[in-house]
Amino acid sequence: MNEDKEVLKLVGARIRALRKERGYSQESLGEKGGFHFSYIGQIERGEKNVSLVNLAKIAESLDVNLVQLFAYIEEEFEVTEDEKQIKEIVQLLRDASPDNIRVSKNVIKGILM
């Protein structure tokens, strides 16, 4: 597989992972971003060389910044139980209020220090 296709597959896998984390179907993500669900599927499979403008729309629909779409997930990468726990904590913090984030930070610092 050439490098171009590898990038498309990695970005597509990342979009799929973010979509599933949020409980969206391809259809609901497509509706949020103004795309047909089949286009979302083609992107996720690495079949479409998606434009930067469309990537920005997808990122907005997923409530992430554009940079987060390029935080690739390797499909063969084995996730440890600790990494799953950390990911869950990060997701909880993303959904928390600024006050709760500050409190959580202080609690974590207190535990680890």
PDB file of N, CA and C in Angstrom:
ATOM      1  N   MET A   1       0.862  -1.176   0.000  1.00  0.00           N
ATOM      2  CA  MET A   1       0.000   0.000   0.000  1.00  0.00           C
ATOM      3  C   MET A   1       0.906   1.236   0.000  1.00  0.00           C
ATOM      4  N   ASN A   2       0.628   2.187  -0.872  1.00  0.00           N
ATOM      5  CA  ASN A   2       1.482   3.368  -0.902  1.00  0.00           C
ATOM      6  C   ASN A   2       1.126   4.327   0.239  1.00  0.00           C
ATOM      7  N   GLU A   3       1.980   5.304   0.458  1.00  0.00           N
ATOM      8  CA  GLU A   3       1.813   6.222   1.592  1.00  0.00           C
ATOM      9  C   GLU A   3       0.524   7.017   1.525  1.00  0.00           C
ATOM     10  N   ASP A   4       0.098   7.420   0.322  1.00  0.00           N
ATOM     11  CA  ASP A   4      -1.143   8.187   0.186  1.00  0.00           C
ATOM     12  C   ASP A   4      -2.325   7.391   0.722  1.00  0.00           C
ATOM     13  N   LYS A   5      -2.417   6.153   0.292  1.00  0.00           N
ATOM     14  CA  LYS A   5      -3.528   5.307   0.738  1.00  0.00           C
ATOM     15  C   LYS A   5      -3.454   5.037   2.229  1.00  0.00           C
ATOM     16  N   GLU A   6      -2.238   4.899   2.756  1.00  0.00           N
ATOM     17  CA  GLU A   6      -2.072   4.661   4.194  1.00  0.00           C
ATOM     18  C   GLU A   6      -2.602   5.838   5.004  1.00  0.00           C
ATOM     19  N   VAL A   7      -2.308   7.055   4.578  1.00  0.00           N
ATOM     20  CA  VAL A   7      -2.814   8.250   5.271  1.00  0.00           C
ATOM     21  C   VAL A   7      -4.335   8.274   5.237  1.00  0.00           C
ATOM     22  N   LEU A   8      -4.915   7.980   4.072  1.00  0.00           N
ATOM     23  CA  LEU A   8      -6.373   7.970   3.951  1.00  0.00           C
ATOM     24  C   LEU A   8      -6.988   6.930   4.880  1.00  0.00           C
ATOM     25  N   LYS A   9      -6.375   5.762   4.974  1.00  0.00           N
ATOM     26  CA  LYS A   9      -6.892   4.709   5.855  1.00  0.00           C
ATOM     27  C   LYS A   9      -6.762   5.101   7.326  1.00  0.00           C
ATOM     28  N   LEU A  10      -5.657   5.729   7.687  1.00  0.00           N
ATOM     29  CA  LEU A  10      -5.460   6.136   9.080  1.00  0.00           C
ATOM     30  C   LEU A  10      -6.452   7.224   9.486  1.00  0.00           C
ATOM     31  N   VAL A  11      -6.648   8.220   8.639  1.00  0.00           N
ATOM     32  CA  VAL A  11      -7.614   9.284   8.938  1.00  0.00           C
ATOM     33  C   VAL A  11      -9.023   8.694   8.986  1.00  0.00           C
ATOM     34  N   GLY A  12      -9.325   7.813   8.049  1.00  0.00           N
ATOM     35  CA  GLY A  12     -10.637   7.177   8.042  1.00  0.00           C
ATOM     36  C   GLY A  12     -10.893   6.362   9.299  1.00  0.00           C
ATOM     37  N   ALA A  13      -9.878   5.622   9.740  1.00  0.00           N
ATOM     38  CA  ALA A  13     -10.018   4.834  10.970  1.00  0.00           C
ATOM     39  C   ALA A  13     -10.226   5.740  12.175  1.00  0.00           C
ATOM     40  N   ARG A  14      -9.544   6.873  12.174  1.00  0.00           N
ATOM     41  CA  ARG A  14      -9.692   7.823  13.284  1.00  0.00           C
ATOM     42  C   ARG A  14     -11.105   8.406  13.302  1.00  0.00           C
ATOM     43  N   ILE A  15     -11.617   8.766  12.134  1.00  0.00           N
ATOM     44  CA  ILE A  15     -12.980   9.304  12.049  1.00  0.00           C
ATOM     45  C   ILE A  15     -13.978   8.247  12.522  1.00  0.00           C
ATOM     46  N   ARG A  16     -13.792   7.006  12.095  1.00  0.00           N
ATOM     47  CA  ARG A  16     -14.677   5.918  12.519  1.00  0.00           C
ATOM     48  C   ARG A  16     -14.645   5.757  14.041  1.00  0.00           C
ATOM     49  N   ALA A  17     -13.447   5.770  14.618  1.00  0.00           N
ATOM     50  CA  ALA A  17     -13.326   5.601  16.069  1.00  0.00           C
ATOM     51  C   ALA A  17     -14.023   6.742  16.813  1.00  0.00           C
ATOM     52  N   LEU A  18     -13.812   7.977  16.363  1.00  0.00           N
ATOM     53  CA  LEU A  18     -14.455   9.120  17.015  1.00  0.00           C
ATOM     54  C   LEU A  18     -15.975   9.053  16.861  1.00  0.00           C
ATOM     55  N   ARG A  19     -16.432   8.644  15.689  1.00  0.00           N
ATOM     56  CA  ARG A  19     -17.874   8.529  15.445  1.00  0.00           C
ATOM     57  C   ARG A  19     -18.484   7.498  16.385  1.00  0.00           C
ATOM     58  N   LYS A  20     -17.835   6.349  16.495  1.00  0.00           N
ATOM     59  CA  LYS A  20     -18.362   5.288  17.359  1.00  0.00           C
ATOM     60  C   LYS A  20     -18.312   5.677  18.831  1.00  0.00           C
ATOM     61  N   GLU A  21     -17.247   6.380  19.247  1.00  0.00           N
ATOM     62  CA  GLU A  21     -17.155   6.857  20.630  1.00  0.00           C
ATOM     63  C   GLU A  21     -18.351   7.727  20.993  1.00  0.00           C
ATOM     64  N   ARG A  22     -18.842   8.465  20.015  1.00  0.00           N
ATOM     65  CA  ARG A  22     -19.954   9.385  20.262  1.00  0.00           C
ATOM     66  C   ARG A  22     -21.313   8.732  20.009  1.00  0.00           C
ATOM     67  N   GLY A  23     -21.296   7.488  19.586  1.00  0.00           N
ATOM     68  CA  GLY A  23     -22.536   6.763  19.364  1.00  0.00           C
ATOM     69  C   GLY A  23     -23.276   7.180  18.101  1.00  0.00           C
ATOM     70  N   TYR A  24     -22.553   7.763  17.145  1.00  0.00           N
ATOM     71  CA  TYR A  24     -23.175   8.197  15.890  1.00  0.00           C
ATOM     72  C   TYR A  24     -23.124   7.071  14.865  1.00  0.00           C
ATOM     73  N   SER A  25     -24.168   6.982  14.078  1.00  0.00           N
ATOM     74  CA  SER A  25     -24.131   6.126  12.895  1.00  0.00           C
ATOM     75  C   SER A  25     -23.482   6.936  11.772  1.00  0.00           C
ATOM     76  N   GLN A  26     -23.128   6.269  10.690  1.00  0.00           N
ATOM     77  CA  GLN A  26     -22.614   7.002   9.533  1.00  0.00           C
ATOM     78  C   GLN A  26     -23.676   7.973   9.029  1.00  0.00           C
ATOM     79  N   GLU A  27     -24.910   7.554   9.083  1.00  0.00           N
ATOM     80  CA  GLU A  27     -26.009   8.405   8.623  1.00  0.00           C
ATOM     81  C   GLU A  27     -26.153   9.657   9.489  1.00  0.00           C
ATOM     82  N   SER A  28     -26.101   9.488  10.821  1.00  0.00           N
ATOM     83  CA  SER A  28     -26.271  10.666  11.687  1.00  0.00           C
ATOM     84  C   SER A  28     -25.076  11.614  11.574  1.00  0.00           C
ATOM     85  N   LEU A  29     -23.862  11.078  11.434  1.00  0.00           N
ATOM     86  CA  LEU A  29     -22.702  11.945  11.231  1.00  0.00           C
ATOM     87  C   LEU A  29     -22.829  12.682   9.903  1.00  0.00           C
ATOM     88  N   GLY A  30     -23.251  11.964   8.877  1.00  0.00           N
ATOM     89  CA  GLY A  30     -23.449  12.592   7.571  1.00  0.00           C
ATOM     90  C   GLY A  30     -24.461  13.727   7.639  1.00  0.00           C
ATOM     91  N   GLU A  31     -25.566  13.505   8.339  1.00  0.00           N
ATOM     92  CA  GLU A  31     -26.587  14.547   8.476  1.00  0.00           C
ATOM     93  C   GLU A  31     -26.032  15.779   9.194  1.00  0.00           C
ATOM     94  N   LYS A  32     -25.255  15.553  10.263  1.00  0.00           N
ATOM     95  CA  LYS A  32     -24.673  16.680  11.008  1.00  0.00           C
ATOM     96  C   LYS A  32     -23.738  17.512  10.139  1.00  0.00           C
ATOM     97  N   GLY A  33     -22.987  16.834   9.275  1.00  0.00           N
ATOM     98  CA  GLY A  33     -21.997  17.535   8.452  1.00  0.00           C
ATOM     99  C   GLY A  33     -22.473  17.918   7.069  1.00  0.00           C
ATOM    100  N   GLY A  34     -23.666  17.458   6.699  1.00  0.00           N
ATOM    101  CA  GLY A  34     -24.193  17.758   5.373  1.00  0.00           C
ATOM    102  C   GLY A  34     -23.679  16.824   4.286  1.00  0.00           C
ATOM    103  N   PHE A  35     -23.392  15.570   4.660  1.00  0.00           N
ATOM    104  CA  PHE A  35     -22.875  14.581   3.716  1.00  0.00           C
ATOM    105  C   PHE A  35     -23.810  13.384   3.638  1.00  0.00           C
ATOM    106  N   HIS A  36     -23.720  12.657   2.550  1.00  0.00           N
ATOM    107  CA  HIS A  36     -24.449  11.400   2.427  1.00  0.00           C
ATOM    108  C   HIS A  36     -23.704  10.345   3.245  1.00  0.00           C
ATOM    109  N   PHE A  37     -24.447   9.430   3.868  1.00  0.00           N
ATOM    110  CA  PHE A  37     -23.815   8.413   4.717  1.00  0.00           C
ATOM    111  C   PHE A  37     -22.817   7.561   3.947  1.00  0.00           C
ATOM    112  N   SER A  38     -23.066   7.334   2.654  1.00  0.00           N
ATOM    113  CA  SER A  38     -22.132   6.513   1.880  1.00  0.00           C
ATOM    114  C   SER A  38     -20.781   7.211   1.712  1.00  0.00           C
ATOM    115  N   TYR A  39     -20.793   8.550   1.654  1.00  0.00           N
ATOM    116  CA  TYR A  39     -19.544   9.321   1.576  1.00  0.00           C
ATOM    117  C   TYR A  39     -18.744   9.147   2.865  1.00  0.00           C
ATOM    118  N   ILE A  40     -19.444   9.183   4.010  1.00  0.00           N
ATOM    119  CA  ILE A  40     -18.775   8.959   5.301  1.00  0.00           C
ATOM    120  C   ILE A  40     -18.141   7.568   5.307  1.00  0.00           C
ATOM    121  N   GLY A  41     -18.868   6.571   4.818  1.00  0.00           N
ATOM    122  CA  GLY A  41     -18.327   5.211   4.743  1.00  0.00           C
ATOM    123  C   GLY A  41     -17.095   5.123   3.866  1.00  0.00           C
ATOM    124  N   GLN A  42     -17.127   5.807   2.734  1.00  0.00           N
ATOM    125  CA  GLN A  42     -15.969   5.801   1.838  1.00  0.00           C
ATOM    126  C   GLN A  42     -14.762   6.464   2.497  1.00  0.00           C
ATOM    127  N   ILE A  43     -14.997   7.535   3.236  1.00  0.00           N
ATOM    128  CA  ILE A  43     -13.896   8.199   3.957  1.00  0.00           C
ATOM    129  C   ILE A  43     -13.325   7.252   5.002  1.00  0.00           C
ATOM    130  N   GLU A  44     -14.208   6.628   5.788  1.00  0.00           N
ATOM    131  CA  GLU A  44     -13.763   5.732   6.856  1.00  0.00           C
ATOM    132  C   GLU A  44     -12.967   4.543   6.319  1.00  0.00           C
ATOM    133  N   ARG A  45     -13.284   4.092   5.137  1.00  0.00           N
ATOM    134  CA  ARG A  45     -12.557   2.967   4.537  1.00  0.00           C
ATOM    135  C   ARG A  45     -11.307   3.422   3.787  1.00  0.00           C
ATOM    136  N   GLY A  46     -11.055   4.709   3.732  1.00  0.00           N
ATOM    137  CA  GLY A  46      -9.874   5.234   3.040  1.00  0.00           C
ATOM    138  C   GLY A  46     -10.018   5.240   1.535  1.00  0.00           C
ATOM    139  N   GLU A  47     -11.250   5.237   1.054  1.00  0.00           N
ATOM    140  CA  GLU A  47     -11.498   5.206  -0.385  1.00  0.00           C
ATOM    141  C   GLU A  47     -11.596   6.596  -1.005  1.00  0.00           C
ATOM    142  N   LYS A  48     -11.813   7.610  -0.199  1.00  0.00           N
ATOM    143  CA  LYS A  48     -11.968   8.984  -0.697  1.00  0.00           C
ATOM    144  C   LYS A  48     -10.826   9.853  -0.197  1.00  0.00           C
ATOM    145  N   ASN A  49     -10.282  10.657  -1.087  1.00  0.00           N
ATOM    146  CA  ASN A  49      -9.288  11.645  -0.714  1.00  0.00           C
ATOM    147  C   ASN A  49     -10.064  12.913  -0.352  1.00  0.00           C
ATOM    148  N   VAL A  50     -10.449  12.998   0.891  1.00  0.00           N
ATOM    149  CA  VAL A  50     -11.363  14.033   1.367  1.00  0.00           C
ATOM    150  C   VAL A  50     -10.644  15.381   1.456  1.00  0.00           C
ATOM    151  N   SER A  51     -11.359  16.451   1.114  1.00  0.00           N
ATOM    152  CA  SER A  51     -10.762  17.786   1.144  1.00  0.00           C
ATOM    153  C   SER A  51     -10.613  18.285   2.579  1.00  0.00           C
ATOM    154  N   LEU A  52      -9.745  19.233   2.758  1.00  0.00           N
ATOM    155  CA  LEU A  52      -9.529  19.837   4.069  1.00  0.00           C
ATOM    156  C   LEU A  52     -10.805  20.506   4.570  1.00  0.00           C
ATOM    157  N   VAL A  53     -11.553  21.129   3.678  1.00  0.00           N
ATOM    158  CA  VAL A  53     -12.812  21.778   4.061  1.00  0.00           C
ATOM    159  C   VAL A  53     -13.781  20.737   4.609  1.00  0.00           C
ATOM    160  N   ASN A  54     -13.890  19.595   3.928  1.00  0.00           N
ATOM    161  CA  ASN A  54     -14.790  18.544   4.400  1.00  0.00           C
ATOM    162  C   ASN A  54     -14.290  17.918   5.696  1.00  0.00           C
ATOM    163  N   LEU A  55     -12.978  17.786   5.852  1.00  0.00           N
ATOM    164  CA  LEU A  55     -12.435  17.293   7.121  1.00  0.00           C
ATOM    165  C   LEU A  55     -12.799  18.235   8.259  1.00  0.00           C
ATOM    166  N   ALA A  56     -12.735  19.532   8.005  1.00  0.00           N
ATOM    167  CA  ALA A  56     -13.108  20.513   9.031  1.00  0.00           C
ATOM    168  C   ALA A  56     -14.580  20.364   9.402  1.00  0.00           C
ATOM    169  N   LYS A  57     -15.442  20.130   8.430  1.00  0.00           N
ATOM    170  CA  LYS A  57     -16.873  19.931   8.705  1.00  0.00           C
ATOM    171  C   LYS A  57     -17.102  18.657   9.517  1.00  0.00           C
ATOM    172  N   ILE A  58     -16.372  17.609   9.180  1.00  0.00           N
ATOM    173  CA  ILE A  58     -16.498  16.352   9.918  1.00  0.00           C
ATOM    174  C   ILE A  58     -16.012  16.538  11.352  1.00  0.00           C
ATOM    175  N   ALA A  59     -14.874  17.214  11.514  1.00  0.00           N
ATOM    176  CA  ALA A  59     -14.354  17.470  12.862  1.00  0.00           C
ATOM    177  C   ALA A  59     -15.373  18.249  13.688  1.00  0.00           C
ATOM    178  N   GLU A  60     -15.962  19.282  13.107  1.00  0.00           N
ATOM    179  CA  GLU A  60     -16.968  20.070  13.813  1.00  0.00           C
ATOM    180  C   GLU A  60     -18.169  19.198  14.184  1.00  0.00           C
ATOM    181  N   SER A  61     -18.589  18.335  13.286  1.00  0.00           N
ATOM    182  CA  SER A  61     -19.721  17.443  13.547  1.00  0.00           C
ATOM    183  C   SER A  61     -19.414  16.456  14.676  1.00  0.00           C
ATOM    184  N   LEU A  62     -18.133  16.109  14.833  1.00  0.00           N
ATOM    185  CA  LEU A  62     -17.702  15.199  15.899  1.00  0.00           C
ATOM    186  C   LEU A  62     -17.328  15.936  17.181  1.00  0.00           C
ATOM    187  N   ASP A  63     -17.435  17.256  17.164  1.00  0.00           N
ATOM    188  CA  ASP A  63     -17.070  18.102  18.310  1.00  0.00           C
ATOM    189  C   ASP A  63     -15.616  17.920  18.722  1.00  0.00           C
ATOM    190  N   VAL A  64     -14.738  17.864  17.719  1.00  0.00           N
ATOM    191  CA  VAL A  64     -13.297  17.820  17.966  1.00  0.00           C
ATOM    192  C   VAL A  64     -12.640  18.871  17.080  1.00  0.00           C
ATOM    193  N   ASN A  65     -11.394  19.217  17.406  1.00  0.00           N
ATOM    194  CA  ASN A  65     -10.698  20.124  16.504  1.00  0.00           C
ATOM    195  C   ASN A  65     -10.059  19.315  15.380  1.00  0.00           C
ATOM    196  N   LEU A  66      -9.704  20.005  14.342  1.00  0.00           N
ATOM    197  CA  LEU A  66      -9.178  19.352  13.140  1.00  0.00           C
ATOM    198  C   LEU A  66      -7.941  18.505  13.433  1.00  0.00           C
ATOM    199  N   VAL A  67      -7.107  18.969  14.333  1.00  0.00           N
ATOM    200  CA  VAL A  67      -5.875  18.250  14.670  1.00  0.00           C
ATOM    201  C   VAL A  67      -6.188  16.859  15.213  1.00  0.00           C
ATOM    202  N   GLN A  68      -7.286  16.724  15.945  1.00  0.00           N
ATOM    203  CA  GLN A  68      -7.626  15.429  16.542  1.00  0.00           C
ATOM    204  C   GLN A  68      -7.951  14.361  15.495  1.00  0.00           C
ATOM    205  N   LEU A  69      -8.313  14.776  14.289  1.00  0.00           N
ATOM    206  CA  LEU A  69      -8.549  13.792  13.232  1.00  0.00           C
ATOM    207  C   LEU A  69      -7.250  13.138  12.773  1.00  0.00           C
ATOM    208  N   PHE A  70      -6.125  13.776  13.077  1.00  0.00           N
ATOM    209  CA  PHE A  70      -4.834  13.252  12.653  1.00  0.00           C
ATOM    210  C   PHE A  70      -4.090  12.549  13.782  1.00  0.00           C
ATOM    211  N   ALA A  71      -4.772  12.322  14.903  1.00  0.00           N
ATOM    212  CA  ALA A  71      -4.216  11.522  15.998  1.00  0.00           C
ATOM    213  C   ALA A  71      -4.568  10.072  15.681  1.00  0.00           C
ATOM    214  N   TYR A  72      -3.815   9.483  14.768  1.00  0.00           N
ATOM    215  CA  TYR A  72      -4.130   8.183  14.187  1.00  0.00           C
ATOM    216  C   TYR A  72      -4.238   7.077  15.219  1.00  0.00           C
ATOM    217  N   ILE A  73      -5.101   6.151  14.880  1.00  0.00           N
ATOM    218  CA  ILE A  73      -5.239   4.920  15.645  1.00  0.00           C
ATOM    219  C   ILE A  73      -4.830   3.784  14.722  1.00  0.00           C
ATOM    220  N   GLU A  74      -3.841   3.051  15.120  1.00  0.00           N
ATOM    221  CA  GLU A  74      -3.426   1.890  14.343  1.00  0.00           C
ATOM    222  C   GLU A  74      -4.379   0.749  14.677  1.00  0.00           C
ATOM    223  N   GLU A  75      -4.963   0.149  13.672  1.00  0.00           N
ATOM    224  CA  GLU A  75      -5.928  -0.915  13.896  1.00  0.00           C
ATOM    225  C   GLU A  75      -5.282  -2.123  14.582  1.00  0.00           C
ATOM    226  N   GLU A  76      -3.992  -2.371  14.321  1.00  0.00           N
ATOM    227  CA  GLU A  76      -3.331  -3.517  14.940  1.00  0.00           C
ATOM    228  C   GLU A  76      -2.855  -3.215  16.349  1.00  0.00           C
ATOM    229  N   PHE A  77      -2.901  -1.956  16.757  1.00  0.00           N
ATOM    230  CA  PHE A  77      -2.395  -1.528  18.052  1.00  0.00           C
ATOM    231  C   PHE A  77      -3.240  -2.129  19.168  1.00  0.00           C
ATOM    232  N   GLU A  78      -2.592  -2.864  20.054  1.00  0.00           N
ATOM    233  CA  GLU A  78      -3.317  -3.482  21.162  1.00  0.00           C
ATOM    234  C   GLU A  78      -3.401  -2.485  22.319  1.00  0.00           C
ATOM    235  N   VAL A  79      -4.609  -2.210  22.768  1.00  0.00           N
ATOM    236  CA  VAL A  79      -4.833  -1.243  23.832  1.00  0.00           C
ATOM    237  C   VAL A  79      -4.861  -1.989  25.163  1.00  0.00           C
ATOM    238  N   THR A  80      -4.010  -1.550  26.091  1.00  0.00           N
ATOM    239  CA  THR A  80      -3.972  -2.183  27.405  1.00  0.00           C
ATOM    240  C   THR A  80      -5.163  -1.713  28.242  1.00  0.00           C
ATOM    241  N   GLU A  81      -5.411  -2.419  29.308  1.00  0.00           N
ATOM    242  CA  GLU A  81      -6.506  -2.039  30.213  1.00  0.00           C
ATOM    243  C   GLU A  81      -6.241  -0.662  30.810  1.00  0.00           C
ATOM    244  N   ASP A  82      -4.985  -0.358  31.147  1.00  0.00           N
ATOM    245  CA  ASP A  82      -4.647   0.964  31.681  1.00  0.00           C
ATOM    246  C   ASP A  82      -4.958   2.060  30.660  1.00  0.00           C
ATOM    247  N   GLU A  83      -4.617   1.815  29.394  1.00  0.00           N
ATOM    248  CA  GLU A  83      -4.896   2.805  28.357  1.00  0.00           C
ATOM    249  C   GLU A  83      -6.389   3.012  28.175  1.00  0.00           C
ATOM    250  N   LYS A  84      -7.169   1.947  28.301  1.00  0.00           N
ATOM    251  CA  LYS A  84      -8.628   2.075  28.223  1.00  0.00           C
ATOM    252  C   LYS A  84      -9.152   2.941  29.370  1.00  0.00           C
ATOM    253  N   GLN A  85      -8.609   2.732  30.564  1.00  0.00           N
ATOM    254  CA  GLN A  85      -9.022   3.521  31.733  1.00  0.00           C
ATOM    255  C   GLN A  85      -8.671   4.999  31.537  1.00  0.00           C
ATOM    256  N   ILE A  86      -7.476   5.263  31.024  1.00  0.00           N
ATOM    257  CA  ILE A  86      -7.044   6.643  30.779  1.00  0.00           C
ATOM    258  C   ILE A  86      -7.947   7.292  29.741  1.00  0.00           C
ATOM    259  N   LYS A  87      -8.267   6.569  28.698  1.00  0.00           N
ATOM    260  CA  LYS A  87      -9.148   7.089  27.655  1.00  0.00           C
ATOM    261  C   LYS A  87     -10.521   7.431  28.240  1.00  0.00           C
ATOM    262  N   GLU A  88     -11.028   6.576  29.122  1.00  0.00           N
ATOM    263  CA  GLU A  88     -12.321   6.827  29.755  1.00  0.00           C
ATOM    264  C   GLU A  88     -12.264   8.085  30.627  1.00  0.00           C
ATOM    265  N   ILE A  89     -11.177   8.249  31.356  1.00  0.00           N
ATOM    266  CA  ILE A  89     -11.013   9.442  32.199  1.00  0.00           C
ATOM    267  C   ILE A  89     -10.967  10.698  31.330  1.00  0.00           C
ATOM    268  N   VAL A  90     -10.220  10.645  30.243  1.00  0.00           N
ATOM    269  CA  VAL A  90     -10.130  11.794  29.339  1.00  0.00           C
ATOM    270  C   VAL A  90     -11.508  12.152  28.782  1.00  0.00           C
ATOM    271  N   GLN A  91     -12.287  11.133  28.400  1.00  0.00           N
ATOM    272  CA  GLN A  91     -13.626  11.404  27.878  1.00  0.00           C
ATOM    273  C   GLN A  91     -14.518  12.039  28.948  1.00  0.00           C
ATOM    274  N   LEU A  92     -14.417  11.568  30.175  1.00  0.00           N
ATOM    275  CA  LEU A  92     -15.188  12.172  31.263  1.00  0.00           C
ATOM    276  C   LEU A  92     -14.801  13.637  31.455  1.00  0.00           C
ATOM    277  N   LEU A  93     -13.511  13.914  31.375  1.00  0.00           N
ATOM    278  CA  LEU A  93     -13.047  15.295  31.526  1.00  0.00           C
ATOM    279  C   LEU A  93     -13.508  16.178  30.374  1.00  0.00           C
ATOM    280  N   ARG A  94     -13.543  15.629  29.162  1.00  0.00           N
ATOM    281  CA  ARG A  94     -14.021  16.407  28.009  1.00  0.00           C
ATOM    282  C   ARG A  94     -15.469  16.841  28.199  1.00  0.00           C
ATOM    283  N   ASP A  95     -16.243  15.990  28.865  1.00  0.00           N
ATOM    284  CA  ASP A  95     -17.661  16.280  29.062  1.00  0.00           C
ATOM    285  C   ASP A  95     -17.936  17.103  30.319  1.00  0.00           C
ATOM    286  N   ALA A  96     -16.901  17.339  31.129  1.00  0.00           N
ATOM    287  CA  ALA A  96     -17.072  18.019  32.420  1.00  0.00           C
ATOM    288  C   ALA A  96     -17.054  19.539  32.264  1.00  0.00           C
ATOM    289  N   SER A  97     -17.598  20.185  33.285  1.00  0.00           N
ATOM    290  CA  SER A  97     -17.559  21.648  33.331  1.00  0.00           C
ATOM    291  C   SER A  97     -16.153  22.109  33.697  1.00  0.00           C
ATOM    292  N   PRO A  98     -15.813  23.368  33.401  1.00  0.00           N
ATOM    293  CA  PRO A  98     -14.483  23.873  33.780  1.00  0.00           C
ATOM    294  C   PRO A  98     -14.202  23.743  35.281  1.00  0.00           C
ATOM    295  N   ASP A  99     -15.200  23.973  36.117  1.00  0.00           N
ATOM    296  CA  ASP A  99     -15.003  23.827  37.561  1.00  0.00           C
ATOM    297  C   ASP A  99     -14.681  22.385  37.936  1.00  0.00           C
ATOM    298  N   ASN A 100     -15.413  21.438  37.346  1.00  0.00           N
ATOM    299  CA  ASN A 100     -15.155  20.028  37.640  1.00  0.00           C
ATOM    300  C   ASN A 100     -13.793  19.588  37.115  1.00  0.00           C
ATOM    301  N   ILE A 101     -13.356  20.162  36.018  1.00  0.00           N
ATOM    302  CA  ILE A 101     -12.024  19.835  35.492  1.00  0.00           C
ATOM    303  C   ILE A 101     -10.950  20.282  36.475  1.00  0.00           C
ATOM    304  N   ARG A 102     -11.096  21.510  37.000  1.00  0.00           N
ATOM    305  CA  ARG A 102     -10.118  22.012  37.985  1.00  0.00           C
ATOM    306  C   ARG A 102     -10.095  21.141  39.235  1.00  0.00           C
ATOM    307  N   VAL A 103     -11.263  20.764  39.743  1.00  0.00           N
ATOM    308  CA  VAL A 103     -11.345  19.913  40.928  1.00  0.00           C
ATOM    309  C   VAL A 103     -10.700  18.556  40.643  1.00  0.00           C
ATOM    310  N   SER A 104     -11.005  17.994  39.483  1.00  0.00           N
ATOM    311  CA  SER A 104     -10.440  16.694  39.107  1.00  0.00           C
ATOM    312  C   SER A 104      -8.924  16.760  39.043  1.00  0.00           C
ATOM    313  N   LYS A 105      -8.403  17.829  38.487  1.00  0.00           N
ATOM    314  CA  LYS A 105      -6.951  18.004  38.398  1.00  0.00           C
ATOM    315  C   LYS A 105      -6.335  18.017  39.797  1.00  0.00           C
ATOM    316  N   ASN A 106      -6.948  18.749  40.711  1.00  0.00           N
ATOM    317  CA  ASN A 106      -6.427  18.819  42.078  1.00  0.00           C
ATOM    318  C   ASN A 106      -6.493  17.461  42.775  1.00  0.00           C
ATOM    319  N   VAL A 107      -7.570  16.717  42.563  1.00  0.00           N
ATOM    320  CA  VAL A 107      -7.704  15.393  43.161  1.00  0.00           C
ATOM    321  C   VAL A 107      -6.623  14.468  42.613  1.00  0.00           C
ATOM    322  N   ILE A 108      -6.429  14.477  41.311  1.00  0.00           N
ATOM    323  CA  ILE A 108      -5.419  13.615  40.690  1.00  0.00           C
ATOM    324  C   ILE A 108      -4.029  13.974  41.186  1.00  0.00           C
ATOM    325  N   LYS A 109      -3.739  15.275  41.255  1.00  0.00           N
ATOM    326  CA  LYS A 109      -2.418  15.696  41.777  1.00  0.00           C
ATOM    327  C   LYS A 109      -2.232  15.230  43.211  1.00  0.00           C
ATOM    328  N   GLY A 110      -3.295  15.326  44.025  1.00  0.00           N
ATOM    329  CA  GLY A 110      -3.216  14.890  45.414  1.00  0.00           C
ATOM    330  C   GLY A 110      -2.949  13.396  45.538  1.00  0.00           C
ATOM    331  N   ILE A 111      -3.550  12.619  44.679  1.00  0.00           N
ATOM    332  CA  ILE A 111      -3.364  11.171  44.713  1.00  0.00           C
ATOM    333  C   ILE A 111      -1.966  10.783  44.250  1.00  0.00           C
ATOM    334  N   LEU A 112      -1.471  11.434  43.223  1.00  0.00           N
ATOM    335  CA  LEU A 112      -0.201  11.040  42.616  1.00  0.00           C
ATOM    336  C   LEU A 112       1.029  11.632  43.279  1.00  0.00           C
ATOM    337  N   MET A 113       0.862  12.638  44.067  1.00  0.00           N
ATOM    338  CA  MET A 113       2.046  13.279  44.667  1.00  0.00           C
ATOM    339  C   MET A 113       2.365  12.721  46.020  1.00  0.00           C
TER     340      MET A 113
END
